[in-house]
């Protein structure tokens, strides 16, 4: 989960540029308002393979934790200038404020998932 969240944070910062998926080009912008709204993320949403770590990788918890903490700090400290101009792979173009909301909701979703 930590590595998954780091890749997502890196996407918001332009560190990872992930190609838009076809279905996202069709319905992503229509779903964007819902995902950025008041409700928490739902369970079992589809995930792009770029964000999946199936356990085949050798990931060290403390290393991944430190990496995610660093990225969250850089994203927060950098403000709008840290947000990418590249579109989200599914939802399309985000403003810096929308990137911030999306990342907060995404991290919140996974922290709740693991009872943190």
PDB file of N, CA and C in Angstrom:
ATOM      1  N   UNK A   1       0.825  -1.183   0.000  1.00  0.00           N
ATOM      2  CA  UNK A   1       0.000   0.000   0.000  1.00  0.00           C
ATOM      3  C   UNK A   1       0.873   1.251   0.000  1.00  0.00           C
ATOM      4  N   UNK A   2       1.963   1.233   0.743  1.00  0.00           N
ATOM      5  CA  UNK A   2       2.843   2.405   0.783  1.00  0.00           C
ATOM      6  C   UNK A   2       3.461   2.674  -0.586  1.00  0.00           C
ATOM      7  N   UNK A   3       3.926   1.634  -1.253  1.00  0.00           N
ATOM      8  CA  UNK A   3       4.501   1.804  -2.592  1.00  0.00           C
ATOM      9  C   UNK A   3       3.433   2.283  -3.570  1.00  0.00           C
ATOM     10  N   UNK A   4       2.244   1.732  -3.475  1.00  0.00           N
ATOM     11  CA  UNK A   4       1.111   2.135  -4.316  1.00  0.00           C
ATOM     12  C   UNK A   4       0.826   3.628  -4.131  1.00  0.00           C
ATOM     13  N   UNK A   5       0.775   4.076  -2.887  1.00  0.00           N
ATOM     14  CA  UNK A   5       0.496   5.489  -2.609  1.00  0.00           C
ATOM     15  C   UNK A   5       1.643   6.387  -3.062  1.00  0.00           C
ATOM     16  N   UNK A   6       2.872   5.896  -2.984  1.00  0.00           N
ATOM     17  CA  UNK A   6       4.014   6.677  -3.464  1.00  0.00           C
ATOM     18  C   UNK A   6       3.951   6.890  -4.967  1.00  0.00           C
ATOM     19  N   UNK A   7       3.564   5.855  -5.699  1.00  0.00           N
ATOM     20  CA  UNK A   7       3.437   5.997  -7.157  1.00  0.00           C
ATOM     21  C   UNK A   7       2.335   7.003  -7.477  1.00  0.00           C
ATOM     22  N   UNK A   8       1.236   6.940  -6.751  1.00  0.00           N
ATOM     23  CA  UNK A   8       0.140   7.887  -6.964  1.00  0.00           C
ATOM     24  C   UNK A   8       0.588   9.317  -6.666  1.00  0.00           C
ATOM     25  N   UNK A   9       1.289   9.505  -5.558  1.00  0.00           N
ATOM     26  CA  UNK A   9       1.793  10.830  -5.215  1.00  0.00           C
ATOM     27  C   UNK A   9       2.783  11.305  -6.274  1.00  0.00           C
ATOM     28  N   UNK A  10       3.620  10.399  -6.752  1.00  0.00           N
ATOM     29  CA  UNK A  10       4.562  10.745  -7.814  1.00  0.00           C
ATOM     30  C   UNK A  10       3.866  11.139  -9.099  1.00  0.00           C
ATOM     31  N   UNK A  11       2.721  10.538  -9.376  1.00  0.00           N
ATOM     32  CA  UNK A  11       1.942  10.922 -10.553  1.00  0.00           C
ATOM     33  C   UNK A  11       1.441  12.355 -10.399  1.00  0.00           C
ATOM     34  N   UNK A  12       0.954  12.690  -9.218  1.00  0.00           N
ATOM     35  CA  UNK A  12       0.453  14.047  -8.964  1.00  0.00           C
ATOM     36  C   UNK A  12       1.563  15.082  -9.095  1.00  0.00           C
ATOM     37  N   UNK A  13       2.796  14.668  -8.835  1.00  0.00           N
ATOM     38  CA  UNK A  13       3.934  15.583  -8.881  1.00  0.00           C
ATOM     39  C   UNK A  13       4.656  15.563 -10.231  1.00  0.00           C
ATOM     40  N   UNK A  14       4.234  14.701 -11.139  1.00  0.00           N
ATOM     41  CA  UNK A  14       4.876  14.627 -12.443  1.00  0.00           C
ATOM     42  C   UNK A  14       6.121  13.756 -12.463  1.00  0.00           C
ATOM     43  N   UNK A  15       6.388  13.045 -11.388  1.00  0.00           N
ATOM     44  CA  UNK A  15       7.533  12.125 -11.336  1.00  0.00           C
ATOM     45  C   UNK A  15       7.242  10.910 -12.206  1.00  0.00           C
ATOM     46  N   UNK A  16       6.007  10.441 -12.150  1.00  0.00           N
ATOM     47  CA  UNK A  16       5.545   9.330 -12.985  1.00  0.00           C
ATOM     48  C   UNK A  16       4.507   9.887 -13.950  1.00  0.00           C
ATOM     49  N   UNK A  17       4.689   9.679 -15.200  1.00  0.00           N
ATOM     50  CA  UNK A  17       3.682  10.079 -16.181  1.00  0.00           C
ATOM     51  C   UNK A  17       3.099   8.794 -16.751  1.00  0.00           C
ATOM     52  N   UNK A  18       1.841   8.562 -16.425  1.00  0.00           N
ATOM     53  CA  UNK A  18       1.182   7.328 -16.831  1.00  0.00           C
ATOM     54  C   UNK A  18       0.179   7.648 -17.927  1.00  0.00           C
ATOM     55  N   UNK A  19       0.251   6.892 -18.994  1.00  0.00           N
ATOM     56  CA  UNK A  19      -0.580   7.102 -20.171  1.00  0.00           C
ATOM     57  C   UNK A  19      -2.067   7.001 -19.816  1.00  0.00           C
ATOM     58  N   UNK A  20      -2.875   7.867 -20.406  1.00  0.00           N
ATOM     59  CA  UNK A  20      -4.324   7.833 -20.185  1.00  0.00           C
ATOM     60  C   UNK A  20      -4.889   6.535 -20.727  1.00  0.00           C
ATOM     61  N   UNK A  21      -5.812   5.963 -19.980  1.00  0.00           N
ATOM     62  CA  UNK A  21      -6.475   4.741 -20.421  1.00  0.00           C
ATOM     63  C   UNK A  21      -7.679   5.116 -21.284  1.00  0.00           C
ATOM     64  N   UNK A  22      -7.987   4.264 -22.233  1.00  0.00           N
ATOM     65  CA  UNK A  22      -9.046   4.552 -23.203  1.00  0.00           C
ATOM     66  C   UNK A  22     -10.387   4.847 -22.530  1.00  0.00           C
ATOM     67  N   UNK A  23     -10.798   3.994 -21.597  1.00  0.00           N
ATOM     68  CA  UNK A  23     -12.093   4.181 -20.953  1.00  0.00           C
ATOM     69  C   UNK A  23     -12.126   5.493 -20.154  1.00  0.00           C
ATOM     70  N   UNK A  24     -10.992   5.873 -19.603  1.00  0.00           N
ATOM     71  CA  UNK A  24     -10.906   7.146 -18.886  1.00  0.00           C
ATOM     72  C   UNK A  24     -11.136   8.333 -19.794  1.00  0.00           C
ATOM     73  N   UNK A  25     -10.670   8.227 -21.024  1.00  0.00           N
ATOM     74  CA  UNK A  25     -10.900   9.309 -21.992  1.00  0.00           C
ATOM     75  C   UNK A  25     -12.389   9.472 -22.288  1.00  0.00           C
ATOM     76  N   UNK A  26     -13.127   8.393 -22.168  1.00  0.00           N
ATOM     77  CA  UNK A  26     -14.558   8.428 -22.470  1.00  0.00           C
ATOM     78  C   UNK A  26     -15.379   8.891 -21.264  1.00  0.00           C
ATOM     79  N   UNK A  27     -15.127   8.296 -20.094  1.00  0.00           N
ATOM     80  CA  UNK A  27     -15.982   8.581 -18.936  1.00  0.00           C
ATOM     81  C   UNK A  27     -15.267   9.252 -17.764  1.00  0.00           C
ATOM     82  N   UNK A  28     -13.960   9.367 -17.820  1.00  0.00           N
ATOM     83  CA  UNK A  28     -13.204   9.917 -16.691  1.00  0.00           C
ATOM     84  C   UNK A  28     -13.642  11.293 -16.259  1.00  0.00           C
ATOM     85  N   UNK A  29     -13.806  12.202 -17.213  1.00  0.00           N
ATOM     86  CA  UNK A  29     -14.192  13.565 -16.849  1.00  0.00           C
ATOM     87  C   UNK A  29     -15.596  13.613 -16.267  1.00  0.00           C
ATOM     88  N   UNK A  30     -16.463  12.683 -16.670  1.00  0.00           N
ATOM     89  CA  UNK A  30     -17.819  12.623 -16.125  1.00  0.00           C
ATOM     90  C   UNK A  30     -17.809  12.134 -14.674  1.00  0.00           C
ATOM     91  N   UNK A  31     -16.845  11.308 -14.322  1.00  0.00           N
ATOM     92  CA  UNK A  31     -16.767  10.739 -12.982  1.00  0.00           C
ATOM     93  C   UNK A  31     -15.911  11.588 -12.035  1.00  0.00           C
ATOM     94  N   UNK A  32     -15.185  12.529 -12.588  1.00  0.00           N
ATOM     95  CA  UNK A  32     -14.244  13.316 -11.794  1.00  0.00           C
ATOM     96  C   UNK A  32     -14.928  14.059 -10.643  1.00  0.00           C
ATOM     97  N   UNK A  33     -16.047  14.687 -10.886  1.00  0.00           N
ATOM     98  CA  UNK A  33     -16.732  15.451  -9.839  1.00  0.00           C
ATOM     99  C   UNK A  33     -17.094  14.544  -8.662  1.00  0.00           C
ATOM    100  N   UNK A  34     -17.558  13.338  -8.961  1.00  0.00           N
ATOM    101  CA  UNK A  34     -17.920  12.407  -7.901  1.00  0.00           C
ATOM    102  C   UNK A  34     -16.737  11.994  -7.047  1.00  0.00           C
ATOM    103  N   UNK A  35     -15.598  11.728  -7.677  1.00  0.00           N
ATOM    104  CA  UNK A  35     -14.426  11.278  -6.929  1.00  0.00           C
ATOM    105  C   UNK A  35     -13.824  12.419  -6.102  1.00  0.00           C
ATOM    106  N   UNK A  36     -14.025  13.645  -6.533  1.00  0.00           N
ATOM    107  CA  UNK A  36     -13.490  14.789  -5.797  1.00  0.00           C
ATOM    108  C   UNK A  36     -14.492  15.338  -4.784  1.00  0.00           C
ATOM    109  N   UNK A  37     -15.698  14.771  -4.734  1.00  0.00           N
ATOM    110  CA  UNK A  37     -16.751  15.252  -3.848  1.00  0.00           C
ATOM    111  C   UNK A  37     -16.538  14.869  -2.392  1.00  0.00           C
ATOM    112  N   UNK A  38     -17.583  15.055  -1.619  1.00  0.00           N
ATOM    113  CA  UNK A  38     -17.551  14.855  -0.168  1.00  0.00           C
ATOM    114  C   UNK A  38     -17.367  13.398   0.255  1.00  0.00           C
ATOM    115  N   UNK A  39     -17.902  12.463  -0.492  1.00  0.00           N
ATOM    116  CA  UNK A  39     -17.886  11.058  -0.079  1.00  0.00           C
ATOM    117  C   UNK A  39     -16.481  10.471  -0.157  1.00  0.00           C
ATOM    118  N   UNK A  40     -16.144   9.587   0.803  1.00  0.00           N
ATOM    119  CA  UNK A  40     -14.851   8.886   0.716  1.00  0.00           C
ATOM    120  C   UNK A  40     -14.822   7.965  -0.502  1.00  0.00           C
ATOM    121  N   UNK A  41     -13.641   7.576  -0.902  1.00  0.00           N
ATOM    122  CA  UNK A  41     -13.502   6.617  -2.003  1.00  0.00           C
ATOM    123  C   UNK A  41     -14.199   5.318  -1.631  1.00  0.00           C
ATOM    124  N   UNK A  42     -14.826   4.702  -2.610  1.00  0.00           N
ATOM    125  CA  UNK A  42     -15.451   3.406  -2.405  1.00  0.00           C
ATOM    126  C   UNK A  42     -14.419   2.293  -2.422  1.00  0.00           C
ATOM    127  N   UNK A  43     -14.866   1.114  -2.080  1.00  0.00           N
ATOM    128  CA  UNK A  43     -13.980  -0.056  -2.071  1.00  0.00           C
ATOM    129  C   UNK A  43     -13.975  -0.722  -3.439  1.00  0.00           C
ATOM    130  N   UNK A  44     -12.882  -1.418  -3.719  1.00  0.00           N
ATOM    131  CA  UNK A  44     -12.739  -2.261  -4.914  1.00  0.00           C
ATOM    132  C   UNK A  44     -12.832  -1.510  -6.235  1.00  0.00           C
ATOM    133  N   UNK A  45     -12.362  -0.282  -6.264  1.00  0.00           N
ATOM    134  CA  UNK A  45     -12.316   0.463  -7.528  1.00  0.00           C
ATOM    135  C   UNK A  45     -11.206  -0.134  -8.399  1.00  0.00           C
ATOM    136  N   UNK A  46     -11.387  -0.131  -9.707  1.00  0.00           N
ATOM    137  CA  UNK A  46     -10.320  -0.633 -10.588  1.00  0.00           C
ATOM    138  C   UNK A  46      -9.049   0.208 -10.428  1.00  0.00           C
ATOM    139  N   UNK A  47      -7.910  -0.429 -10.566  1.00  0.00           N
ATOM    140  CA  UNK A  47      -6.619   0.229 -10.399  1.00  0.00           C
ATOM    141  C   UNK A  47      -5.741  -0.063 -11.601  1.00  0.00           C
ATOM    142  N   UNK A  48      -5.139   0.985 -12.158  1.00  0.00           N
ATOM    143  CA  UNK A  48      -4.217   0.817 -13.278  1.00  0.00           C
ATOM    144  C   UNK A  48      -3.044  -0.060 -12.834  1.00  0.00           C
ATOM    145  N   UNK A  49      -2.573  -0.911 -13.728  1.00  0.00           N
ATOM    146  CA  UNK A  49      -1.492  -1.851 -13.383  1.00  0.00           C
ATOM    147  C   UNK A  49      -0.219  -1.138 -12.923  1.00  0.00           C
ATOM    148  N   UNK A  50      -0.042   0.121 -13.308  1.00  0.00           N
ATOM    149  CA  UNK A  50       1.133   0.883 -12.879  1.00  0.00           C
ATOM    150  C   UNK A  50       1.160   1.120 -11.377  1.00  0.00           C
ATOM    151  N   UNK A  51      -0.005   0.987 -10.741  1.00  0.00           N
ATOM    152  CA  UNK A  51      -0.133   1.255  -9.310  1.00  0.00           C
ATOM    153  C   UNK A  51      -0.262  -0.023  -8.484  1.00  0.00           C
ATOM    154  N   UNK A  52      -0.101  -1.177  -9.103  1.00  0.00           N
ATOM    155  CA  UNK A  52      -0.307  -2.440  -8.403  1.00  0.00           C
ATOM    156  C   UNK A  52       1.039  -3.082  -8.086  1.00  0.00           C
ATOM    157  N   UNK A  53       1.181  -3.462  -6.829  1.00  0.00           N
ATOM    158  CA  UNK A  53       2.357  -4.191  -6.357  1.00  0.00           C
ATOM    159  C   UNK A  53       1.829  -5.508  -5.802  1.00  0.00           C
ATOM    160  N   UNK A  54       1.984  -6.551  -6.562  1.00  0.00           N
ATOM    161  CA  UNK A  54       1.322  -7.825  -6.275  1.00  0.00           C
ATOM    162  C   UNK A  54       2.064  -8.698  -5.272  1.00  0.00           C
ATOM    163  N   UNK A  55       3.099  -8.209  -4.670  1.00  0.00           N
ATOM    164  CA  UNK A  55       3.837  -9.018  -3.708  1.00  0.00           C
ATOM    165  C   UNK A  55       5.059  -9.685  -4.305  1.00  0.00           C
ATOM    166  N   UNK A  56       5.248  -9.540  -5.603  1.00  0.00           N
ATOM    167  CA  UNK A  56       6.420 -10.129  -6.249  1.00  0.00           C
ATOM    168  C   UNK A  56       7.671  -9.296  -5.997  1.00  0.00           C
ATOM    169  N   UNK A  57       7.453  -8.031  -5.679  1.00  0.00           N
ATOM    170  CA  UNK A  57       8.569  -7.124  -5.438  1.00  0.00           C
ATOM    171  C   UNK A  57       9.025  -7.258  -3.990  1.00  0.00           C
ATOM    172  N   UNK A  58      10.293  -7.054  -3.771  1.00  0.00           N
ATOM    173  CA  UNK A  58      10.843  -7.059  -2.420  1.00  0.00           C
ATOM    174  C   UNK A  58      10.787  -5.627  -1.909  1.00  0.00           C
ATOM    175  N   UNK A  59       9.764  -5.330  -1.100  1.00  0.00           N
ATOM    176  CA  UNK A  59       9.569  -3.977  -0.594  1.00  0.00           C
ATOM    177  C   UNK A  59       9.780  -3.970   0.916  1.00  0.00           C
ATOM    178  N   UNK A  60      10.591  -3.049   1.381  1.00  0.00           N
ATOM    179  CA  UNK A  60      10.856  -2.922   2.814  1.00  0.00           C
ATOM    180  C   UNK A  60       9.924  -1.866   3.388  1.00  0.00           C
ATOM    181  N   UNK A  61       9.176  -2.228   4.409  1.00  0.00           N
ATOM    182  CA  UNK A  61       8.172  -1.343   4.988  1.00  0.00           C
ATOM    183  C   UNK A  61       8.739   0.022   5.356  1.00  0.00           C
ATOM    184  N   UNK A  62       9.821   0.056   6.118  1.00  0.00           N
ATOM    185  CA  UNK A  62      10.378   1.333   6.589  1.00  0.00           C
ATOM    186  C   UNK A  62      10.888   2.191   5.425  1.00  0.00           C
ATOM    187  N   UNK A  63      11.448   1.557   4.413  1.00  0.00           N
ATOM    188  CA  UNK A  63      11.930   2.294   3.240  1.00  0.00           C
ATOM    189  C   UNK A  63      10.753   2.913   2.499  1.00  0.00           C
ATOM    190  N   UNK A  64       9.703   2.130   2.278  1.00  0.00           N
ATOM    191  CA  UNK A  64       8.518   2.642   1.574  1.00  0.00           C
ATOM    192  C   UNK A  64       7.797   3.702   2.394  1.00  0.00           C
ATOM    193  N   UNK A  65       7.750   3.523   3.692  1.00  0.00           N
ATOM    194  CA  UNK A  65       7.131   4.514   4.577  1.00  0.00           C
ATOM    195  C   UNK A  65       7.879   5.844   4.480  1.00  0.00           C
ATOM    196  N   UNK A  66       9.207   5.795   4.552  1.00  0.00           N
ATOM    197  CA  UNK A  66      10.018   7.017   4.463  1.00  0.00           C
ATOM    198  C   UNK A  66       9.850   7.695   3.104  1.00  0.00           C
ATOM    199  N   UNK A  67       9.775   6.904   2.053  1.00  0.00           N
ATOM    200  CA  UNK A  67       9.596   7.459   0.704  1.00  0.00           C
ATOM    201  C   UNK A  67       8.256   8.183   0.598  1.00  0.00           C
ATOM    202  N   UNK A  68       7.197   7.561   1.087  1.00  0.00           N
ATOM    203  CA  UNK A  68       5.879   8.197   1.023  1.00  0.00           C
ATOM    204  C   UNK A  68       5.849   9.455   1.884  1.00  0.00           C
ATOM    205  N   UNK A  69       6.430   9.409   3.055  1.00  0.00           N
ATOM    206  CA  UNK A  69       6.474  10.596   3.913  1.00  0.00           C
ATOM    207  C   UNK A  69       7.198  11.743   3.214  1.00  0.00           C
ATOM    208  N   UNK A  70       8.313  11.430   2.560  1.00  0.00           N
ATOM    209  CA  UNK A  70       9.079  12.456   1.839  1.00  0.00           C
ATOM    210  C   UNK A  70       8.250  13.069   0.716  1.00  0.00           C
ATOM    211  N   UNK A  71       7.568  12.217  -0.052  1.00  0.00           N
ATOM    212  CA  UNK A  71       6.752  12.712  -1.156  1.00  0.00           C
ATOM    213  C   UNK A  71       5.581  13.562  -0.667  1.00  0.00           C
ATOM    214  N   UNK A  72       4.936  13.142   0.407  1.00  0.00           N
ATOM    215  CA  UNK A  72       3.825  13.933   0.962  1.00  0.00           C
ATOM    216  C   UNK A  72       4.347  15.295   1.412  1.00  0.00           C
ATOM    217  N   UNK A  73       5.479  15.307   2.089  1.00  0.00           N
ATOM    218  CA  UNK A  73       6.060  16.574   2.541  1.00  0.00           C
ATOM    219  C   UNK A  73       6.410  17.473   1.353  1.00  0.00           C
ATOM    220  N   UNK A  74       7.055  16.925   0.329  1.00  0.00           N
ATOM    221  CA  UNK A  74       7.416  17.715  -0.862  1.00  0.00           C
ATOM    222  C   UNK A  74       6.173  18.263  -1.556  1.00  0.00           C
ATOM    223  N   UNK A  75       5.149  17.434  -1.681  1.00  0.00           N
ATOM    224  CA  UNK A  75       3.907  17.849  -2.330  1.00  0.00           C
ATOM    225  C   UNK A  75       3.266  18.991  -1.558  1.00  0.00           C
ATOM    226  N   UNK A  76       3.178  18.853  -0.244  1.00  0.00           N
ATOM    227  CA  UNK A  76       2.576  19.885   0.592  1.00  0.00           C
ATOM    228  C   UNK A  76       3.409  21.166   0.580  1.00  0.00           C
ATOM    229  N   UNK A  77       4.705  21.039   0.797  1.00  0.00           N
ATOM    230  CA  UNK A  77       5.583  22.206   0.880  1.00  0.00           C
ATOM    231  C   UNK A  77       5.671  22.947  -0.456  1.00  0.00           C
ATOM    232  N   UNK A  78       5.583  22.216  -1.553  1.00  0.00           N
ATOM    233  CA  UNK A  78       5.723  22.833  -2.867  1.00  0.00           C
ATOM    234  C   UNK A  78       4.472  23.531  -3.365  1.00  0.00           C
ATOM    235  N   UNK A  79       3.328  23.244  -2.742  1.00  0.00           N
ATOM    236  CA  UNK A  79       2.077  23.871  -3.160  1.00  0.00           C
ATOM    237  C   UNK A  79       1.775  23.591  -4.623  1.00  0.00           C
ATOM    238  N   UNK A  80       1.129  24.534  -5.252  1.00  0.00           N
ATOM    239  CA  UNK A  80       0.690  24.371  -6.644  1.00  0.00           C
ATOM    240  C   UNK A  80       1.852  24.087  -7.589  1.00  0.00           C
ATOM    241  N   UNK A  81       3.031  24.602  -7.269  1.00  0.00           N
ATOM    242  CA  UNK A  81       4.180  24.406  -8.162  1.00  0.00           C
ATOM    243  C   UNK A  81       4.634  22.949  -8.206  1.00  0.00           C
ATOM    244  N   UNK A  82       4.230  22.138  -7.233  1.00  0.00           N
ATOM    245  CA  UNK A  82       4.615  20.724  -7.216  1.00  0.00           C
ATOM    246  C   UNK A  82       3.643  19.843  -7.996  1.00  0.00           C
ATOM    247  N   UNK A  83       2.540  20.400  -8.458  1.00  0.00           N
ATOM    248  CA  UNK A  83       1.538  19.611  -9.175  1.00  0.00           C
ATOM    249  C   UNK A  83       1.889  19.518 -10.655  1.00  0.00           C
ATOM    250  N   UNK A  84       1.674  18.365 -11.196  1.00  0.00           N
ATOM    251  CA  UNK A  84       1.959  18.123 -12.606  1.00  0.00           C
ATOM    252  C   UNK A  84       0.953  18.822 -13.510  1.00  0.00           C
ATOM    253  N   UNK A  85       1.355  19.051 -14.727  1.00  0.00           N
ATOM    254  CA  UNK A  85       0.428  19.537 -15.748  1.00  0.00           C
ATOM    255  C   UNK A  85      -0.121  18.374 -16.565  1.00  0.00           C
ATOM    256  N   UNK A  86       0.421  17.167 -16.328  1.00  0.00           N
ATOM    257  CA  UNK A  86      -0.038  15.978 -17.037  1.00  0.00           C
ATOM    258  C   UNK A  86      -1.387  15.530 -16.478  1.00  0.00           C
ATOM    259  N   UNK A  87      -2.229  14.967 -17.308  1.00  0.00           N
ATOM    260  CA  UNK A  87      -3.538  14.528 -16.820  1.00  0.00           C
ATOM    261  C   UNK A  87      -3.433  13.265 -15.967  1.00  0.00           C
ATOM    262  N   UNK A  88      -4.430  13.083 -15.116  1.00  0.00           N
ATOM    263  CA  UNK A  88      -4.567  11.837 -14.366  1.00  0.00           C
ATOM    264  C   UNK A  88      -4.856  10.738 -15.385  1.00  0.00           C
ATOM    265  N   UNK A  89      -4.340   9.532 -15.204  1.00  0.00           N
ATOM    266  CA  UNK A  89      -4.525   8.482 -16.211  1.00  0.00           C
ATOM    267  C   UNK A  89      -5.986   8.107 -16.480  1.00  0.00           C
ATOM    268  N   UNK A  90      -6.871   8.334 -15.527  1.00  0.00           N
ATOM    269  CA  UNK A  90      -8.284   8.015 -15.739  1.00  0.00           C
ATOM    270  C   UNK A  90      -9.150   9.267 -15.799  1.00  0.00           C
ATOM    271  N   UNK A  91      -8.997  10.178 -14.844  1.00  0.00           N
ATOM    272  CA  UNK A  91      -9.912  11.309 -14.702  1.00  0.00           C
ATOM    273  C   UNK A  91      -9.563  12.509 -15.572  1.00  0.00           C
ATOM    274  N   UNK A  92      -8.385  12.540 -16.132  1.00  0.00           N
ATOM    275  CA  UNK A  92      -8.012  13.643 -17.020  1.00  0.00           C
ATOM    276  C   UNK A  92      -7.368  14.797 -16.270  1.00  0.00           C
ATOM    277  N   UNK A  93      -7.563  15.995 -16.793  1.00  0.00           N
ATOM    278  CA  UNK A  93      -6.905  17.187 -16.272  1.00  0.00           C
ATOM    279  C   UNK A  93      -7.405  17.533 -14.874  1.00  0.00           C
ATOM    280  N   UNK A  94      -6.465  17.795 -13.971  1.00  0.00           N
ATOM    281  CA  UNK A  94      -6.751  18.261 -12.614  1.00  0.00           C
ATOM    282  C   UNK A  94      -6.066  19.599 -12.406  1.00  0.00           C
ATOM    283  N   UNK A  95      -6.718  20.489 -11.679  1.00  0.00           N
ATOM    284  CA  UNK A  95      -6.058  21.701 -11.200  1.00  0.00           C
ATOM    285  C   UNK A  95      -5.176  21.303 -10.017  1.00  0.00           C
ATOM    286  N   UNK A  96      -4.268  22.166  -9.578  1.00  0.00           N
ATOM    287  CA  UNK A  96      -3.498  21.828  -8.374  1.00  0.00           C
ATOM    288  C   UNK A  96      -4.393  21.525  -7.166  1.00  0.00           C
ATOM    289  N   UNK A  97      -5.465  22.269  -6.997  1.00  0.00           N
ATOM    290  CA  UNK A  97      -6.389  22.000  -5.896  1.00  0.00           C
ATOM    291  C   UNK A  97      -7.053  20.645  -6.016  1.00  0.00           C
ATOM    292  N   UNK A  98      -7.390  20.247  -7.237  1.00  0.00           N
ATOM    293  CA  UNK A  98      -7.996  18.935  -7.455  1.00  0.00           C
ATOM    294  C   UNK A  98      -6.989  17.812  -7.208  1.00  0.00           C
ATOM    295  N   UNK A  99      -5.736  18.028  -7.601  1.00  0.00           N
ATOM    296  CA  UNK A  99      -4.697  17.035  -7.296  1.00  0.00           C
ATOM    297  C   UNK A  99      -4.583  16.867  -5.789  1.00  0.00           C
ATOM    298  N   UNK A 100      -4.611  17.980  -5.054  1.00  0.00           N
ATOM    299  CA  UNK A 100      -4.487  17.927  -3.595  1.00  0.00           C
ATOM    300  C   UNK A 100      -5.654  17.162  -2.972  1.00  0.00           C
ATOM    301  N   UNK A 101      -6.870  17.455  -3.400  1.00  0.00           N
ATOM    302  CA  UNK A 101      -8.044  16.748  -2.885  1.00  0.00           C
ATOM    303  C   UNK A 101      -7.948  15.266  -3.205  1.00  0.00           C
ATOM    304  N   UNK A 102      -7.595  14.943  -4.437  1.00  0.00           N
ATOM    305  CA  UNK A 102      -7.508  13.546  -4.847  1.00  0.00           C
ATOM    306  C   UNK A 102      -6.468  12.794  -4.020  1.00  0.00           C
ATOM    307  N   UNK A 103      -5.300  13.391  -3.831  1.00  0.00           N
ATOM    308  CA  UNK A 103      -4.254  12.711  -3.066  1.00  0.00           C
ATOM    309  C   UNK A 103      -4.664  12.544  -1.604  1.00  0.00           C
ATOM    310  N   UNK A 104      -5.298  13.561  -1.023  1.00  0.00           N
ATOM    311  CA  UNK A 104      -5.754  13.447   0.358  1.00  0.00           C
ATOM    312  C   UNK A 104      -6.764  12.310   0.478  1.00  0.00           C
ATOM    313  N   UNK A 105      -7.737  12.270  -0.424  1.00  0.00           N
ATOM    314  CA  UNK A 105      -8.766  11.235  -0.367  1.00  0.00           C
ATOM    315  C   UNK A 105      -8.173   9.844  -0.602  1.00  0.00           C
ATOM    316  N   UNK A 106      -7.204   9.755  -1.491  1.00  0.00           N
ATOM    317  CA  UNK A 106      -6.566   8.478  -1.790  1.00  0.00           C
ATOM    318  C   UNK A 106      -5.792   7.962  -0.576  1.00  0.00           C
ATOM    319  N   UNK A 107      -4.982   8.830   0.036  1.00  0.00           N
ATOM    320  CA  UNK A 107      -4.244   8.424   1.231  1.00  0.00           C
ATOM    321  C   UNK A 107      -5.199   8.071   2.370  1.00  0.00           C
ATOM    322  N   UNK A 108      -6.221   8.878   2.568  1.00  0.00           N
ATOM    323  CA  UNK A 108      -7.219   8.618   3.607  1.00  0.00           C
ATOM    324  C   UNK A 108      -7.873   7.257   3.391  1.00  0.00           C
ATOM    325  N   UNK A 109      -8.203   6.959   2.156  1.00  0.00           N
ATOM    326  CA  UNK A 109      -8.831   5.680   1.807  1.00  0.00           C
ATOM    327  C   UNK A 109      -7.959   4.504   2.260  1.00  0.00           C
ATOM    328  N   UNK A 110      -6.676   4.566   1.940  1.00  0.00           N
ATOM    329  CA  UNK A 110      -5.798   3.447   2.268  1.00  0.00           C
ATOM    330  C   UNK A 110      -5.415   3.410   3.745  1.00  0.00           C
ATOM    331  N   UNK A 111      -5.280   4.545   4.376  1.00  0.00           N
ATOM    332  CA  UNK A 111      -4.990   4.543   5.818  1.00  0.00           C
ATOM    333  C   UNK A 111      -6.175   3.952   6.590  1.00  0.00           C
ATOM    334  N   UNK A 112      -7.389   4.308   6.182  1.00  0.00           N
ATOM    335  CA  UNK A 112      -8.579   3.714   6.812  1.00  0.00           C
ATOM    336  C   UNK A 112      -8.648   2.216   6.521  1.00  0.00           C
ATOM    337  N   UNK A 113      -8.282   1.833   5.309  1.00  0.00           N
ATOM    338  CA  UNK A 113      -8.313   0.424   4.925  1.00  0.00           C
ATOM    339  C   UNK A 113      -7.490  -0.427   5.889  1.00  0.00           C
ATOM    340  N   UNK A 114      -6.376   0.137   6.359  1.00  0.00           N
ATOM    341  CA  UNK A 114      -5.493  -0.601   7.253  1.00  0.00           C
ATOM    342  C   UNK A 114      -5.624  -0.157   8.705  1.00  0.00           C
ATOM    343  N   UNK A 115      -6.665   0.595   9.008  1.00  0.00           N
ATOM    344  CA  UNK A 115      -6.940   0.970  10.391  1.00  0.00           C
ATOM    345  C   UNK A 115      -5.961   1.951  10.997  1.00  0.00           C
ATOM    346  N   UNK A 116      -5.375   2.783  10.166  1.00  0.00           N
ATOM    347  CA  UNK A 116      -4.391   3.763  10.660  1.00  0.00           C
ATOM    348  C   UNK A 116      -5.091   5.084  10.915  1.00  0.00           C
TER     349      UNK A 116
END
